[in-house]
Amino acid sequence: MIALIQRVMSASVTVAGARIGETGPGLLILLGVEKGDDRQKASRLCDRVLGYRIFSDDQGKMNLNVQQAGGSVLVVSQFTLAADTQKGMRPGFSGGAEPAEAEKLYEAFIGCCCEKGVATETGRFGADMQVALVNDGPVTFWLQV
């Protein structure tokens, strides 16, 4: 399971011209699900993402996680994170989870965020989405379990 996390001032997701999710200061989480991923991995990745200290403290050091910084999250499914890009000029997607399984694990990840008390907005699984963001820093990390 893969999370590309970006510290943002704001982020939103739009489907068919309608804004369906947005966040103020916090994290945009692009989530990719691979074959072999399970609920345990979703929970571990959720804990890691929410605990990752990428927000500045009073001394300007990255010592705070999203909750400590008072931020929220926008979680967007992104199957292309599971792409094989090692050779050729076209990505391969055989490493990605089947859509039904990926959706279950996407929902499990979102549930974990909510259970931990983090204000959570989402995209729509499987939809053609337009994602807008104002990256803060820029600060972007790739986390994988």
N, C-alpha and C. Protein backbone atom coordinates (compact mmCIF):
# COMPACT_ATOMS: atom_id res chain seq x y z
N MET A 1 0.85 -1.16 0.00
CA MET A 1 0.00 0.00 0.00
C MET A 1 0.90 1.22 0.00
N ILE A 2 0.51 2.22 -0.77
CA ILE A 2 1.33 3.40 -0.99
C ILE A 2 0.53 4.66 -0.68
N ALA A 3 1.17 5.60 0.01
CA ALA A 3 0.56 6.91 0.22
C ALA A 3 1.57 7.96 -0.22
N LEU A 4 1.17 8.78 -1.17
CA LEU A 4 1.93 9.97 -1.53
C LEU A 4 1.26 11.10 -0.76
N ILE A 5 1.98 11.65 0.21
CA ILE A 5 1.37 12.68 1.06
C ILE A 5 1.99 14.03 0.75
N GLN A 6 1.14 15.03 0.69
CA GLN A 6 1.58 16.38 0.43
C GLN A 6 1.02 17.30 1.50
N ARG A 7 1.91 18.08 2.10
CA ARG A 7 1.46 19.08 3.06
C ARG A 7 0.87 20.22 2.25
N VAL A 8 -0.37 20.58 2.56
CA VAL A 8 -1.07 21.57 1.74
C VAL A 8 -1.64 22.70 2.59
N MET A 9 -1.76 23.85 1.93
CA MET A 9 -2.52 24.96 2.52
C MET A 9 -4.01 24.71 2.26
N SER A 10 -4.29 24.11 1.09
CA SER A 10 -5.65 23.73 0.73
C SER A 10 -5.59 22.71 -0.39
N ALA A 11 -6.64 21.92 -0.50
CA ALA A 11 -6.76 20.94 -1.58
C ALA A 11 -8.24 20.63 -1.77
N SER A 12 -8.58 20.28 -3.01
CA SER A 12 -9.97 19.92 -3.30
C SER A 12 -10.01 18.89 -4.41
N VAL A 13 -11.13 18.18 -4.49
CA VAL A 13 -11.35 17.20 -5.54
C VAL A 13 -12.74 17.45 -6.14
N THR A 14 -12.76 17.43 -7.47
CA THR A 14 -13.98 17.71 -8.22
C THR A 14 -14.29 16.52 -9.12
N VAL A 15 -15.57 16.15 -9.20
CA VAL A 15 -16.04 15.09 -10.09
C VAL A 15 -17.22 15.65 -10.88
N ALA A 16 -17.15 15.55 -12.19
CA ALA A 16 -18.23 16.02 -13.08
C ALA A 16 -18.66 17.45 -12.76
N GLY A 17 -17.68 18.29 -12.49
CA GLY A 17 -17.95 19.70 -12.25
C GLY A 17 -18.39 20.05 -10.83
N ALA A 18 -18.56 19.06 -9.97
CA ALA A 18 -19.00 19.32 -8.60
C ALA A 18 -17.87 19.03 -7.62
N ARG A 19 -17.59 19.98 -6.74
CA ARG A 19 -16.57 19.78 -5.71
C ARG A 19 -17.15 18.82 -4.67
N ILE A 20 -16.47 17.68 -4.48
CA ILE A 20 -17.00 16.67 -3.56
C ILE A 20 -16.19 16.54 -2.28
N GLY A 21 -14.99 17.11 -2.25
CA GLY A 21 -14.17 17.04 -1.06
C GLY A 21 -13.15 18.15 -1.06
N GLU A 22 -12.82 18.63 0.15
CA GLU A 22 -11.80 19.67 0.25
C GLU A 22 -11.23 19.69 1.65
N THR A 23 -10.06 20.25 1.76
CA THR A 23 -9.42 20.41 3.05
C THR A 23 -8.72 21.76 3.10
N GLY A 24 -8.63 22.30 4.29
CA GLY A 24 -7.84 23.50 4.51
C GLY A 24 -6.43 23.05 4.80
N PRO A 25 -5.70 23.72 5.67
CA PRO A 25 -4.35 23.27 5.99
C PRO A 25 -4.36 21.82 6.48
N GLY A 26 -3.47 21.01 5.93
CA GLY A 26 -3.39 19.61 6.31
C GLY A 26 -2.66 18.80 5.27
N LEU A 27 -3.22 17.63 4.95
CA LEU A 27 -2.58 16.70 4.03
C LEU A 27 -3.51 16.32 2.89
N LEU A 28 -2.94 16.29 1.69
CA LEU A 28 -3.55 15.60 0.56
C LEU A 28 -2.88 14.24 0.52
N ILE A 29 -3.67 13.18 0.59
CA ILE A 29 -3.15 11.81 0.59
C ILE A 29 -3.63 11.12 -0.67
N LEU A 30 -2.68 10.82 -1.57
CA LEU A 30 -2.99 10.03 -2.76
C LEU A 30 -2.68 8.59 -2.39
N LEU A 31 -3.67 7.71 -2.49
CA LEU A 31 -3.56 6.35 -1.96
C LEU A 31 -3.60 5.31 -3.07
N GLY A 32 -2.57 4.49 -3.14
CA GLY A 32 -2.51 3.40 -4.11
C GLY A 32 -2.53 2.05 -3.40
N VAL A 33 -3.30 1.11 -3.94
CA VAL A 33 -3.44 -0.20 -3.33
C VAL A 33 -2.85 -1.23 -4.28
N GLU A 34 -1.96 -2.08 -3.73
CA GLU A 34 -1.28 -3.10 -4.53
C GLU A 34 -1.82 -4.49 -4.22
N LYS A 35 -1.58 -5.42 -5.14
CA LYS A 35 -1.94 -6.82 -4.88
C LYS A 35 -1.28 -7.26 -3.59
N GLY A 36 -2.01 -8.02 -2.80
CA GLY A 36 -1.46 -8.53 -1.54
C GLY A 36 -1.68 -7.60 -0.36
N ASP A 37 -2.15 -6.40 -0.59
CA ASP A 37 -2.44 -5.49 0.53
C ASP A 37 -3.66 -6.01 1.28
N ASP A 38 -3.74 -5.67 2.56
CA ASP A 38 -4.85 -6.11 3.39
C ASP A 38 -5.20 -5.03 4.41
N ARG A 39 -6.20 -5.30 5.24
CA ARG A 39 -6.65 -4.30 6.22
C ARG A 39 -5.55 -3.95 7.22
N GLN A 40 -4.72 -4.91 7.55
CA GLN A 40 -3.62 -4.64 8.48
C GLN A 40 -2.65 -3.61 7.88
N LYS A 41 -2.35 -3.75 6.60
CA LYS A 41 -1.48 -2.78 5.94
C LYS A 41 -2.15 -1.42 5.86
N ALA A 42 -3.45 -1.40 5.59
CA ALA A 42 -4.18 -0.13 5.54
C ALA A 42 -4.11 0.58 6.89
N SER A 43 -4.28 -0.17 7.96
CA SER A 43 -4.22 0.41 9.30
C SER A 43 -2.82 0.90 9.63
N ARG A 44 -1.81 0.10 9.29
CA ARG A 44 -0.41 0.51 9.54
C ARG A 44 -0.05 1.77 8.77
N LEU A 45 -0.47 1.82 7.50
CA LEU A 45 -0.16 3.00 6.68
C LEU A 45 -0.90 4.22 7.22
N CYS A 46 -2.14 4.05 7.63
CA CYS A 46 -2.90 5.15 8.23
C CYS A 46 -2.17 5.69 9.45
N ASP A 47 -1.75 4.80 10.35
CA ASP A 47 -1.02 5.22 11.55
C ASP A 47 0.25 5.97 11.18
N ARG A 48 0.94 5.47 10.18
CA ARG A 48 2.19 6.10 9.76
C ARG A 48 1.94 7.48 9.17
N VAL A 49 0.96 7.59 8.28
CA VAL A 49 0.66 8.87 7.64
C VAL A 49 0.23 9.90 8.69
N LEU A 50 -0.71 9.52 9.56
CA LEU A 50 -1.22 10.47 10.54
C LEU A 50 -0.18 10.82 11.60
N GLY A 51 0.77 9.94 11.84
CA GLY A 51 1.82 10.21 12.82
C GLY A 51 3.06 10.87 12.24
N TYR A 52 3.15 10.96 10.92
CA TYR A 52 4.34 11.50 10.26
C TYR A 52 4.49 12.98 10.59
N ARG A 53 5.65 13.33 11.11
CA ARG A 53 5.88 14.69 11.60
C ARG A 53 6.45 15.57 10.48
N ILE A 54 5.54 16.25 9.78
CA ILE A 54 5.97 17.10 8.67
C ILE A 54 5.44 18.53 8.77
N PHE A 55 4.92 18.88 9.95
CA PHE A 55 4.44 20.24 10.18
C PHE A 55 5.39 20.92 11.17
N SER A 56 5.58 22.20 11.00
CA SER A 56 6.56 22.94 11.80
C SER A 56 6.06 23.23 13.21
N ASP A 57 6.98 23.12 14.15
CA ASP A 57 6.70 23.53 15.53
C ASP A 57 7.06 25.00 15.70
N ASP A 58 7.08 25.49 16.92
CA ASP A 58 7.38 26.90 17.18
C ASP A 58 8.79 27.31 16.76
N GLN A 59 9.69 26.34 16.67
CA GLN A 59 11.06 26.63 16.26
C GLN A 59 11.28 26.42 14.75
N GLY A 60 10.21 26.13 14.02
CA GLY A 60 10.33 25.95 12.59
C GLY A 60 10.84 24.58 12.16
N LYS A 61 10.89 23.63 13.07
CA LYS A 61 11.34 22.27 12.76
C LYS A 61 10.13 21.37 12.51
N MET A 62 10.29 20.42 11.61
CA MET A 62 9.21 19.46 11.33
C MET A 62 9.10 18.49 12.48
N ASN A 63 8.30 18.85 13.48
CA ASN A 63 8.14 18.02 14.67
C ASN A 63 6.69 17.69 14.99
N LEU A 64 5.74 18.19 14.19
CA LEU A 64 4.33 17.97 14.48
C LEU A 64 3.67 17.12 13.40
N ASN A 65 2.76 16.24 13.82
CA ASN A 65 1.98 15.50 12.85
C ASN A 65 0.72 16.30 12.51
N VAL A 66 -0.09 15.79 11.62
CA VAL A 66 -1.27 16.54 11.15
C VAL A 66 -2.24 16.85 12.28
N GLN A 67 -2.42 15.93 13.21
CA GLN A 67 -3.33 16.17 14.32
C GLN A 67 -2.78 17.24 15.25
N GLN A 68 -1.50 17.15 15.58
CA GLN A 68 -0.88 18.14 16.46
C GLN A 68 -0.91 19.53 15.84
N ALA A 69 -0.87 19.60 14.52
CA ALA A 69 -0.89 20.88 13.81
C ALA A 69 -2.32 21.39 13.61
N GLY A 70 -3.32 20.59 14.00
CA GLY A 70 -4.71 21.00 13.85
C GLY A 70 -5.21 20.92 12.42
N GLY A 71 -4.58 20.05 11.61
CA GLY A 71 -4.95 19.93 10.21
C GLY A 71 -5.98 18.85 9.94
N SER A 72 -6.40 18.80 8.70
CA SER A 72 -7.34 17.78 8.23
C SER A 72 -6.73 17.09 7.02
N VAL A 73 -7.43 16.07 6.50
CA VAL A 73 -6.89 15.32 5.37
C VAL A 73 -7.93 15.17 4.27
N LEU A 74 -7.42 15.09 3.05
CA LEU A 74 -8.22 14.77 1.87
C LEU A 74 -7.59 13.52 1.29
N VAL A 75 -8.34 12.41 1.24
CA VAL A 75 -7.84 11.12 0.76
C VAL A 75 -8.42 10.85 -0.62
N VAL A 76 -7.53 10.63 -1.60
CA VAL A 76 -7.93 10.40 -2.98
C VAL A 76 -7.30 9.10 -3.47
N SER A 77 -8.12 8.19 -4.00
CA SER A 77 -7.58 6.94 -4.55
C SER A 77 -6.80 7.25 -5.83
N GLN A 78 -5.66 6.57 -5.99
CA GLN A 78 -4.86 6.78 -7.19
C GLN A 78 -4.16 5.47 -7.56
N PHE A 79 -4.80 4.70 -8.44
CA PHE A 79 -4.26 3.40 -8.82
C PHE A 79 -2.92 3.51 -9.54
N THR A 80 -2.63 4.64 -10.16
CA THR A 80 -1.38 4.77 -10.91
C THR A 80 -0.15 4.73 -10.01
N LEU A 81 -0.32 4.91 -8.69
CA LEU A 81 0.83 4.79 -7.80
C LEU A 81 1.39 3.38 -7.77
N ALA A 82 0.57 2.39 -8.12
CA ALA A 82 1.01 1.00 -8.13
C ALA A 82 1.60 0.58 -9.48
N ALA A 83 1.80 1.53 -10.37
CA ALA A 83 2.29 1.22 -11.72
C ALA A 83 3.74 0.73 -11.70
N ASP A 84 4.04 -0.16 -12.63
CA ASP A 84 5.41 -0.60 -12.88
C ASP A 84 5.96 0.30 -13.98
N THR A 85 6.98 1.07 -13.65
CA THR A 85 7.58 2.02 -14.60
C THR A 85 9.04 1.70 -14.89
N GLN A 86 9.45 0.47 -14.58
CA GLN A 86 10.86 0.11 -14.68
C GLN A 86 11.38 0.02 -16.11
N LYS A 87 10.53 -0.32 -17.06
CA LYS A 87 11.03 -0.45 -18.43
C LYS A 87 9.96 -0.01 -19.42
N GLY A 88 10.41 0.33 -20.58
CA GLY A 88 9.49 0.73 -21.64
C GLY A 88 8.99 2.15 -21.48
N MET A 89 8.06 2.50 -22.33
CA MET A 89 7.52 3.85 -22.36
C MET A 89 6.05 3.91 -21.97
N ARG A 90 5.55 2.78 -21.47
CA ARG A 90 4.16 2.71 -21.05
C ARG A 90 4.11 2.00 -19.71
N PRO A 91 3.42 2.58 -18.71
CA PRO A 91 3.37 1.92 -17.40
C PRO A 91 2.55 0.64 -17.45
N GLY A 92 2.92 -0.30 -16.59
CA GLY A 92 2.15 -1.53 -16.42
C GLY A 92 1.40 -1.47 -15.10
N PHE A 93 0.20 -2.05 -15.08
CA PHE A 93 -0.62 -1.96 -13.88
C PHE A 93 -0.94 -3.32 -13.26
N SER A 94 -0.17 -4.34 -13.61
CA SER A 94 -0.44 -5.68 -13.10
C SER A 94 -0.19 -5.79 -11.60
N GLY A 95 0.53 -4.86 -11.00
CA GLY A 95 0.80 -4.91 -9.57
C GLY A 95 -0.29 -4.30 -8.72
N GLY A 96 -1.24 -3.66 -9.35
CA GLY A 96 -2.33 -3.04 -8.60
C GLY A 96 -3.37 -4.05 -8.17
N ALA A 97 -4.03 -3.76 -7.07
CA ALA A 97 -5.09 -4.64 -6.57
C ALA A 97 -6.29 -4.58 -7.51
N GLU A 98 -7.08 -5.62 -7.51
CA GLU A 98 -8.34 -5.63 -8.25
C GLU A 98 -9.23 -4.51 -7.71
N PRO A 99 -10.01 -3.88 -8.56
CA PRO A 99 -10.81 -2.72 -8.11
C PRO A 99 -11.67 -2.96 -6.88
N ALA A 100 -12.35 -4.08 -6.79
CA ALA A 100 -13.22 -4.33 -5.63
C ALA A 100 -12.41 -4.39 -4.34
N GLU A 101 -11.27 -5.04 -4.39
CA GLU A 101 -10.40 -5.13 -3.20
C GLU A 101 -9.78 -3.78 -2.89
N ALA A 102 -9.35 -3.08 -3.90
CA ALA A 102 -8.75 -1.75 -3.70
C ALA A 102 -9.75 -0.81 -3.05
N GLU A 103 -11.01 -0.87 -3.48
CA GLU A 103 -12.03 0.01 -2.89
C GLU A 103 -12.25 -0.31 -1.42
N LYS A 104 -12.27 -1.59 -1.06
CA LYS A 104 -12.44 -1.98 0.34
C LYS A 104 -11.30 -1.42 1.19
N LEU A 105 -10.08 -1.51 0.68
CA LEU A 105 -8.93 -1.05 1.45
C LEU A 105 -8.84 0.47 1.49
N TYR A 106 -9.28 1.12 0.44
CA TYR A 106 -9.39 2.58 0.42
C TYR A 106 -10.37 3.01 1.51
N GLU A 107 -11.51 2.35 1.58
CA GLU A 107 -12.52 2.66 2.61
C GLU A 107 -11.99 2.35 4.01
N ALA A 108 -11.21 1.27 4.15
CA ALA A 108 -10.63 0.93 5.45
C ALA A 108 -9.64 2.01 5.90
N PHE A 109 -8.85 2.53 4.97
CA PHE A 109 -7.90 3.59 5.28
C PHE A 109 -8.66 4.84 5.74
N ILE A 110 -9.70 5.20 5.04
CA ILE A 110 -10.52 6.37 5.39
C ILE A 110 -11.14 6.16 6.77
N GLY A 111 -11.65 4.96 7.02
CA GLY A 111 -12.23 4.66 8.32
C GLY A 111 -11.24 4.81 9.45
N CYS A 112 -10.01 4.40 9.21
CA CYS A 112 -8.95 4.54 10.21
C CYS A 112 -8.71 6.01 10.52
N CYS A 113 -8.65 6.85 9.49
CA CYS A 113 -8.45 8.29 9.69
C CYS A 113 -9.57 8.86 10.55
N CYS A 114 -10.78 8.49 10.23
CA CYS A 114 -11.95 9.00 10.97
C CYS A 114 -11.93 8.51 12.42
N GLU A 115 -11.61 7.22 12.62
CA GLU A 115 -11.57 6.66 13.97
C GLU A 115 -10.54 7.36 14.84
N LYS A 116 -9.50 7.87 14.24
CA LYS A 116 -8.45 8.55 14.99
C LYS A 116 -8.78 10.02 15.23
N GLY A 117 -9.97 10.44 14.82
CA GLY A 117 -10.43 11.78 15.11
C GLY A 117 -9.91 12.87 14.18
N VAL A 118 -9.42 12.49 13.01
CA VAL A 118 -8.92 13.47 12.05
C VAL A 118 -10.05 13.83 11.09
N ALA A 119 -10.30 15.11 10.91
CA ALA A 119 -11.31 15.56 9.94
C ALA A 119 -10.87 15.06 8.57
N THR A 120 -11.74 14.26 7.92
CA THR A 120 -11.37 13.56 6.70
C THR A 120 -12.39 13.81 5.60
N GLU A 121 -11.89 14.23 4.45
CA GLU A 121 -12.69 14.37 3.24
C GLU A 121 -12.13 13.37 2.22
N THR A 122 -12.92 13.06 1.20
CA THR A 122 -12.48 12.04 0.24
C THR A 122 -12.82 12.43 -1.19
N GLY A 123 -12.16 11.71 -2.09
CA GLY A 123 -12.55 11.72 -3.48
C GLY A 123 -13.62 10.66 -3.68
N ARG A 124 -13.80 10.21 -4.91
CA ARG A 124 -14.76 9.15 -5.20
C ARG A 124 -14.00 8.03 -5.90
N PHE A 125 -13.97 6.87 -5.29
CA PHE A 125 -13.22 5.75 -5.83
C PHE A 125 -13.65 5.44 -7.26
N GLY A 126 -12.68 5.31 -8.15
CA GLY A 126 -12.93 4.92 -9.53
C GLY A 126 -13.42 6.02 -10.44
N ALA A 127 -13.63 7.21 -9.89
CA ALA A 127 -14.14 8.32 -10.70
C ALA A 127 -13.00 9.05 -11.40
N ASP A 128 -13.34 9.75 -12.46
CA ASP A 128 -12.41 10.67 -13.11
C ASP A 128 -12.45 11.94 -12.28
N MET A 129 -11.37 12.21 -11.55
CA MET A 129 -11.34 13.33 -10.60
C MET A 129 -10.34 14.38 -11.04
N GLN A 130 -10.65 15.60 -10.70
CA GLN A 130 -9.71 16.69 -10.86
C GLN A 130 -9.32 17.14 -9.45
N VAL A 131 -8.02 17.10 -9.18
CA VAL A 131 -7.51 17.43 -7.86
C VAL A 131 -6.74 18.75 -7.95
N ALA A 132 -7.08 19.68 -7.09
CA ALA A 132 -6.38 20.96 -7.02
C ALA A 132 -5.74 21.08 -5.64
N LEU A 133 -4.56 21.68 -5.60
CA LEU A 133 -3.91 21.86 -4.32
C LEU A 133 -2.98 23.06 -4.34
N VAL A 134 -2.77 23.58 -3.15
CA VAL A 134 -1.72 24.56 -2.92
C VAL A 134 -0.75 23.86 -1.97
N ASN A 135 0.35 23.37 -2.54
CA ASN A 135 1.35 22.63 -1.77
C ASN A 135 2.07 23.59 -0.85
N ASP A 136 2.25 23.21 0.40
CA ASP A 136 2.89 24.06 1.40
C ASP A 136 4.34 23.61 1.55
N GLY A 137 5.25 24.38 1.06
CA GLY A 137 6.68 24.08 1.20
C GLY A 137 7.46 24.21 -0.07
N PRO A 138 7.34 23.38 -1.04
CA PRO A 138 6.52 22.16 -1.09
C PRO A 138 7.09 21.05 -0.22
N VAL A 139 6.20 20.29 0.38
CA VAL A 139 6.57 19.15 1.21
C VAL A 139 5.77 17.95 0.70
N THR A 140 6.48 16.94 0.17
CA THR A 140 5.85 15.75 -0.38
C THR A 140 6.68 14.52 0.01
N PHE A 141 6.00 13.48 0.49
CA PHE A 141 6.69 12.23 0.87
C PHE A 141 5.93 11.03 0.33
N TRP A 142 6.68 9.98 0.01
CA TRP A 142 6.15 8.69 -0.44
C TRP A 142 6.31 7.72 0.72
N LEU A 143 5.21 7.19 1.23
CA LEU A 143 5.24 6.19 2.29
C LEU A 143 4.66 4.89 1.76
N GLN A 144 5.29 3.79 2.13
CA GLN A 144 4.83 2.49 1.62
C GLN A 144 4.98 1.45 2.73
N VAL A 145 3.96 0.60 2.86
CA VAL A 145 4.03 -0.52 3.82
C VAL A 145 3.78 -1.81 3.08
